[in-house]
PDB file of all heavy atoms in Angstrom:
ATOM      1  N   GLY A   1     106.258 103.642 109.226  1.00  0.00           N
ATOM      2  CA  GLY A   1     105.054 104.107 108.549  1.00  0.00           C
ATOM      3  C   GLY A   1     105.246 105.464 107.903  1.00  0.00           C
ATOM      4  O   GLY A   1     104.776 105.720 106.792  1.00  0.00           O
ATOM      5  N   SER A   2     105.986 106.354 108.588  1.00  0.00           N
ATOM      6  CA  SER A   2     106.266 107.673 108.033  1.00  0.00           C
ATOM      7  C   SER A   2     107.152 107.558 106.793  1.00  0.00           C
ATOM      8  O   SER A   2     106.943 108.258 105.795  1.00  0.00           O
ATOM      9  CB  SER A   2     106.937 108.543 109.088  1.00  0.00           C
ATOM     10  OG  SER A   2     107.146 109.851 108.608  1.00  0.00           O
ATOM     11  N   CYS A   3     108.129 106.648 106.840  1.00  0.00           N
ATOM     12  CA  CYS A   3     108.987 106.416 105.666  1.00  0.00           C
ATOM     13  C   CYS A   3     108.170 105.883 104.489  1.00  0.00           C
ATOM     14  O   CYS A   3     108.368 106.301 103.334  1.00  0.00           O
ATOM     15  CB  CYS A   3     110.099 105.425 106.016  1.00  0.00           C
ATOM     16  SG  CYS A   3     111.375 106.075 107.114  1.00  0.00           S
ATOM     17  N   ARG A   4     107.242 104.982 104.769  1.00  0.00           N
ATOM     18  CA  ARG A   4     106.434 104.403 103.697  1.00  0.00           C
ATOM     19  C   ARG A   4     105.549 105.471 103.051  1.00  0.00           C
ATOM     20  O   ARG A   4     105.386 105.502 101.827  1.00  0.00           O
ATOM     21  CB  ARG A   4     105.577 103.269 104.273  1.00  0.00           C
ATOM     22  CG  ARG A   4     106.362 102.034 104.700  1.00  0.00           C
ATOM     23  CD  ARG A   4     106.665 101.124 103.530  1.00  0.00           C
ATOM     24  NE  ARG A   4     105.453 100.697 102.877  1.00  0.00           N
ATOM     25  CZ  ARG A   4     104.636  99.739 103.337  1.00  0.00           C
ATOM     26  NH1 ARG A   4     104.951  99.080 104.453  1.00  0.00           N
ATOM     27  NH2 ARG A   4     103.556  99.414 102.672  1.00  0.00           N
ATOM     28  N   GLU A   5     104.959 106.333 103.863  1.00  0.00           N
ATOM     29  CA  GLU A   5     104.124 107.403 103.323  1.00  0.00           C
ATOM     30  C   GLU A   5     104.944 108.368 102.474  1.00  0.00           C
ATOM     31  O   GLU A   5     104.494 108.850 101.435  1.00  0.00           O
ATOM     32  CB  GLU A   5     103.433 108.161 104.462  1.00  0.00           C
ATOM     33  CG  GLU A   5     102.247 107.428 105.057  1.00  0.00           C
ATOM     34  CD  GLU A   5     101.146 107.197 104.029  1.00  0.00           C
ATOM     35  OE1 GLU A   5     100.731 108.169 103.362  1.00  0.00           O
ATOM     36  OE2 GLU A   5     100.720 106.044 103.870  1.00  0.00           O
ATOM     37  N   THR A   6     106.167 108.626 102.918  1.00  0.00           N
ATOM     38  CA  THR A   6     107.047 109.506 102.158  1.00  0.00           C
ATOM     39  C   THR A   6     107.445 108.859 100.838  1.00  0.00           C
ATOM     40  O   THR A   6     107.494 109.524  99.795  1.00  0.00           O
ATOM     41  CB  THR A   6     108.290 109.853 102.988  1.00  0.00           C
ATOM     42  OG1 THR A   6     107.874 110.399 104.244  1.00  0.00           O
ATOM     43  CG2 THR A   6     109.168 110.852 102.263  1.00  0.00           C
ATOM     44  N   ALA A   7     107.732 107.577 100.870  1.00  0.00           N
ATOM     45  CA  ALA A   7     108.059 106.852  99.636  1.00  0.00           C
ATOM     46  C   ALA A   7     106.903 106.947  98.648  1.00  0.00           C
ATOM     47  O   ALA A   7     107.107 107.170  97.445  1.00  0.00           O
ATOM     48  CB  ALA A   7     108.379 105.398  99.956  1.00  0.00           C
ATOM     49  N   LYS A   8     105.699 106.777  99.141  1.00  0.00           N
ATOM     50  CA  LYS A   8     104.510 106.860  98.277  1.00  0.00           C
ATOM     51  C   LYS A   8     104.413 108.234  97.630  1.00  0.00           C
ATOM     52  O   LYS A   8     104.101 108.363  96.429  1.00  0.00           O
ATOM     53  CB  LYS A   8     103.259 106.564  99.105  1.00  0.00           C
ATOM     54  CG  LYS A   8     101.971 106.544  98.307  1.00  0.00           C
ATOM     55  CD  LYS A   8     100.798 106.190  99.213  1.00  0.00           C
ATOM     56  CE  LYS A   8      99.477 106.184  98.447  1.00  0.00           C
ATOM     57  NZ  LYS A   8      98.341 105.863  99.353  1.00  0.00           N
ATOM     58  N   ALA A   9     104.692 109.295  98.400  1.00  0.00           N
ATOM     59  CA  ALA A   9     104.636 110.646  97.853  1.00  0.00           C
ATOM     60  C   ALA A   9     105.708 110.861  96.791  1.00  0.00           C
ATOM     61  O   ALA A   9     105.468 111.499  95.764  1.00  0.00           O
ATOM     62  CB  ALA A   9     104.806 111.669  98.985  1.00  0.00           C
ATOM     63  N   LEU A  10     106.895 110.305  97.013  1.00  0.00           N
ATOM     64  CA  LEU A  10     107.993 110.465  96.053  1.00  0.00           C
ATOM     65  C   LEU A  10     107.740 109.717  94.754  1.00  0.00           C
ATOM     66  O   LEU A  10     108.327 110.054  93.715  1.00  0.00           O
ATOM     67  CB  LEU A  10     109.303 109.992  96.674  1.00  0.00           C
ATOM     68  CG  LEU A  10     109.898 110.872  97.773  1.00  0.00           C
ATOM     69  CD1 LEU A  10     111.086 110.171  98.425  1.00  0.00           C
ATOM     70  CD2 LEU A  10     110.323 112.222  97.213  1.00  0.00           C
ATOM     71  N   LEU A  11     106.893 108.702  94.805  1.00  0.00           N
ATOM     72  CA  LEU A  11     106.664 107.849  93.634  1.00  0.00           C
ATOM     73  C   LEU A  11     105.323 108.106  92.969  1.00  0.00           C
ATOM     74  O   LEU A  11     104.807 107.250  92.253  1.00  0.00           O
ATOM     75  CB  LEU A  11     106.771 106.377  94.051  1.00  0.00           C
ATOM     76  CG  LEU A  11     108.156 105.935  94.540  1.00  0.00           C
ATOM     77  CD1 LEU A  11     108.097 104.517  95.095  1.00  0.00           C
ATOM     78  CD2 LEU A  11     109.180 106.026  93.419  1.00  0.00           C
ATOM     79  N   GLN A  12     104.758 109.284  93.191  1.00  0.00           N
ATOM     80  CA  GLN A  12     103.454 109.586  92.601  1.00  0.00           C
ATOM     81  C   GLN A  12     103.477 109.514  91.078  1.00  0.00           C
ATOM     82  O   GLN A  12     102.462 109.203  90.454  1.00  0.00           O
ATOM     83  CB  GLN A  12     102.999 110.989  93.038  1.00  0.00           C
ATOM     84  CG  GLN A  12     102.619 111.071  94.504  1.00  0.00           C
ATOM     85  CD  GLN A  12     102.244 112.484  94.897  1.00  0.00           C
ATOM     86  OE1 GLN A  12     101.084 112.856  94.852  1.00  0.00           O
ATOM     87  NE2 GLN A  12     103.238 113.270  95.256  1.00  0.00           N
ATOM     88  N   ASP A  13     104.620 109.793  90.476  1.00  0.00           N
ATOM     89  CA  ASP A  13     104.711 109.778  89.014  1.00  0.00           C
ATOM     90  C   ASP A  13     105.309 108.478  88.487  1.00  0.00           C
ATOM     91  O   ASP A  13     105.689 108.395  87.311  1.00  0.00           O
ATOM     92  CB  ASP A  13     105.555 110.962  88.536  1.00  0.00           C
ATOM     93  CG  ASP A  13     104.835 112.286  88.771  1.00  0.00           C
ATOM     94  OD1 ASP A  13     103.592 112.308  88.686  1.00  0.00           O
ATOM     95  OD2 ASP A  13     105.521 113.275  89.041  1.00  0.00           O
ATOM     96  N   GLY A  14     105.393 107.467  89.312  1.00  0.00           N
ATOM     97  CA  GLY A  14     105.884 106.171  88.862  1.00  0.00           C
ATOM     98  C   GLY A  14     107.156 105.749  89.558  1.00  0.00           C
ATOM     99  O   GLY A  14     107.917 106.572  90.076  1.00  0.00           O
ATOM    100  N   GLY A  15     107.396 104.461  89.585  1.00  0.00           N
ATOM    101  CA  GLY A  15     108.565 103.912  90.244  1.00  0.00           C
ATOM    102  C   GLY A  15     108.164 102.756  91.147  1.00  0.00           C
ATOM    103  O   GLY A  15     107.035 102.261  91.078  1.00  0.00           O
ATOM    104  N   ARG A  16     109.068 102.344  91.996  1.00  0.00           N
ATOM    105  CA  ARG A  16     108.816 101.163  92.816  1.00  0.00           C
ATOM    106  C   ARG A  16     109.366 101.348  94.219  1.00  0.00           C
ATOM    107  O   ARG A  16     110.408 101.963  94.405  1.00  0.00           O
ATOM    108  CB  ARG A  16     109.466  99.944  92.170  1.00  0.00           C
ATOM    109  CG  ARG A  16     109.108  98.625  92.840  1.00  0.00           C
ATOM    110  CD  ARG A  16     108.700  97.647  91.811  1.00  0.00           C
ATOM    111  NE  ARG A  16     108.218  96.430  92.393  1.00  0.00           N
ATOM    112  CZ  ARG A  16     108.175  95.282  91.749  1.00  0.00           C
ATOM    113  NH1 ARG A  16     108.598  95.212  90.504  1.00  0.00           N
ATOM    114  NH2 ARG A  16     107.696  94.197  92.308  1.00  0.00           N
ATOM    115  N   GLN A  17     108.657 100.804  95.172  1.00  0.00           N
ATOM    116  CA  GLN A  17     109.076 100.852  96.564  1.00  0.00           C
ATOM    117  C   GLN A  17     109.501  99.456  97.022  1.00  0.00           C
ATOM    118  O   GLN A  17     108.820  98.465  96.748  1.00  0.00           O
ATOM    119  CB  GLN A  17     107.924 101.359  97.442  1.00  0.00           C
ATOM    120  CG  GLN A  17     108.271 101.488  98.902  1.00  0.00           C
ATOM    121  CD  GLN A  17     107.115 101.972  99.762  1.00  0.00           C
ATOM    122  OE1 GLN A  17     107.077 101.733 100.959  1.00  0.00           O
ATOM    123  NE2 GLN A  17     106.149 102.648  99.152  1.00  0.00           N
ATOM    124  N   TYR A  18     110.640  99.391  97.704  1.00  0.00           N
ATOM    125  CA  TYR A  18     111.101  98.150  98.309  1.00  0.00           C
ATOM    126  C   TYR A  18     111.355  98.384  99.794  1.00  0.00           C
ATOM    127  O   TYR A  18     111.592  99.524 100.223  1.00  0.00           O
ATOM    128  CB  TYR A  18     112.422  97.672  97.683  1.00  0.00           C
ATOM    129  CG  TYR A  18     112.321  97.165  96.275  1.00  0.00           C
ATOM    130  CD1 TYR A  18     112.698  97.962  95.203  1.00  0.00           C
ATOM    131  CD2 TYR A  18     111.877  95.874  96.007  1.00  0.00           C
ATOM    132  CE1 TYR A  18     112.625  97.500  93.903  1.00  0.00           C
ATOM    133  CE2 TYR A  18     111.796  95.403  94.711  1.00  0.00           C
ATOM    134  CZ  TYR A  18     112.177  96.225  93.658  1.00  0.00           C
ATOM    135  OH  TYR A  18     112.101  95.762  92.373  1.00  0.00           O
ATOM    136  N   ILE A  19     111.325  97.306 100.537  1.00  0.00           N
ATOM    137  CA  ILE A  19     111.762  97.334 101.931  1.00  0.00           C
ATOM    138  C   ILE A  19     113.099  96.621 102.012  1.00  0.00           C
ATOM    139  O   ILE A  19     113.281  95.548 101.428  1.00  0.00           O
ATOM    140  CB  ILE A  19     110.726  96.660 102.845  1.00  0.00           C
ATOM    141  CG1 ILE A  19     109.427  97.475 102.874  1.00  0.00           C
ATOM    142  CG2 ILE A  19     111.280  96.497 104.267  1.00  0.00           C
ATOM    143  CD1 ILE A  19     108.282  96.811 103.601  1.00  0.00           C
ATOM    144  N   LEU A  20     114.048  97.242 102.716  1.00  0.00           N
ATOM    145  CA  LEU A  20     115.343  96.612 102.925  1.00  0.00           C
ATOM    146  C   LEU A  20     115.321  95.953 104.301  1.00  0.00           C
ATOM    147  O   LEU A  20     115.319  96.628 105.329  1.00  0.00           O
ATOM    148  CB  LEU A  20     116.469  97.639 102.829  1.00  0.00           C
ATOM    149  CG  LEU A  20     117.901  97.105 102.996  1.00  0.00           C
ATOM    150  CD1 LEU A  20     118.182  95.957 102.038  1.00  0.00           C
ATOM    151  CD2 LEU A  20     118.915  98.221 102.815  1.00  0.00           C
ATOM    152  N   SER A  21     115.279  94.627 104.293  1.00  0.00           N
ATOM    153  CA  SER A  21     115.146  93.836 105.508  1.00  0.00           C
ATOM    154  C   SER A  21     116.500  93.275 105.930  1.00  0.00           C
ATOM    155  O   SER A  21     117.246  92.749 105.095  1.00  0.00           O
ATOM    156  CB  SER A  21     114.156  92.690 105.269  1.00  0.00           C
ATOM    157  OG  SER A  21     114.331  91.664 106.216  1.00  0.00           O
ATOM    158  N   ALA A  22     116.782  93.347 107.214  1.00  0.00           N
ATOM    159  CA  ALA A  22     118.034  92.787 107.735  1.00  0.00           C
ATOM    160  C   ALA A  22     118.079  91.279 107.565  1.00  0.00           C
ATOM    161  O   ALA A  22     119.159  90.692 107.461  1.00  0.00           O
ATOM    162  CB  ALA A  22     118.195  93.147 109.209  1.00  0.00           C
ATOM    163  N   ALA A  23     116.924  90.644 107.516  1.00  0.00           N
ATOM    164  CA  ALA A  23     116.871  89.182 107.382  1.00  0.00           C
ATOM    165  C   ALA A  23     116.727  88.719 105.941  1.00  0.00           C
ATOM    166  O   ALA A  23     117.203  87.634 105.597  1.00  0.00           O
ATOM    167  CB  ALA A  23     115.705  88.628 108.206  1.00  0.00           C
ATOM    168  N   HIS A  24     116.082  89.518 105.092  1.00  0.00           N
ATOM    169  CA  HIS A  24     115.729  89.058 103.749  1.00  0.00           C
ATOM    170  C   HIS A  24     116.312  89.907 102.635  1.00  0.00           C
ATOM    171  O   HIS A  24     116.186  89.547 101.465  1.00  0.00           O
ATOM    172  CB  HIS A  24     114.212  89.033 103.594  1.00  0.00           C
ATOM    173  CG  HIS A  24     113.508  88.175 104.600  1.00  0.00           C
ATOM    174  ND1 HIS A  24     113.503  86.796 104.530  1.00  0.00           N
ATOM    175  CD2 HIS A  24     112.802  88.515 105.717  1.00  0.00           C
ATOM    176  CE1 HIS A  24     112.802  86.314 105.560  1.00  0.00           C
ATOM    177  NE2 HIS A  24     112.369  87.327 106.283  1.00  0.00           N
ATOM    178  N   GLY A  25     116.921  91.027 102.925  1.00  0.00           N
ATOM    179  CA  GLY A  25     117.397  91.915 101.869  1.00  0.00           C
ATOM    180  C   GLY A  25     116.247  92.697 101.256  1.00  0.00           C
ATOM    181  O   GLY A  25     115.315  93.109 101.965  1.00  0.00           O
ATOM    182  N   LEU A  26     116.281  92.897  99.957  1.00  0.00           N
ATOM    183  CA  LEU A  26     115.223  93.659  99.279  1.00  0.00           C
ATOM    184  C   LEU A  26     113.929  92.858  99.235  1.00  0.00           C
ATOM    185  O   LEU A  26     113.922  91.716  98.760  1.00  0.00           O
ATOM    186  CB  LEU A  26     115.640  94.013  97.863  1.00  0.00           C
ATOM    187  CG  LEU A  26     116.623  95.155  97.673  1.00  0.00           C
ATOM    188  CD1 LEU A  26     116.902  95.356  96.191  1.00  0.00           C
ATOM    189  CD2 LEU A  26     116.104  96.448  98.293  1.00  0.00           C
ATOM    190  N   LEU A  27     112.865  93.470  99.682  1.00  0.00           N
ATOM    191  CA  LEU A  27     111.575  92.799  99.712  1.00  0.00           C
ATOM    192  C   LEU A  27     110.551  93.584  98.902  1.00  0.00           C
ATOM    193  O   LEU A  27     110.405  94.805  99.078  1.00  0.00           O
ATOM    194  CB  LEU A  27     111.057  92.687 101.149  1.00  0.00           C
ATOM    195  CG  LEU A  27     111.706  91.641 102.056  1.00  0.00           C
ATOM    196  CD1 LEU A  27     111.223  91.838 103.494  1.00  0.00           C
ATOM    197  CD2 LEU A  27     111.383  90.233 101.581  1.00  0.00           C
ATOM    198  N   ASP A  28     109.816  92.896  98.029  1.00  0.00           N
ATOM    199  CA  ASP A  28     108.608  93.462  97.470  1.00  0.00           C
ATOM    200  C   ASP A  28     107.567  93.552  98.578  1.00  0.00           C
ATOM    201  O   ASP A  28     107.532  92.709  99.477  1.00  0.00           O
ATOM    202  CB  ASP A  28     108.080  92.572  96.340  1.00  0.00           C
ATOM    203  CG  ASP A  28     109.031  92.523  95.164  1.00  0.00           C
ATOM    204  OD1 ASP A  28     109.226  93.580  94.535  1.00  0.00           O
ATOM    205  OD2 ASP A  28     109.571  91.440  94.890  1.00  0.00           O
TER     206      ASP A  28
END
């Protein structure tokens, strides 16, 4: 959750967030 909040702060001016899953790879 802390990583997700930090990602949101880093992308305030645009961009995209993905999750890297051990089972699925890159996830929207």
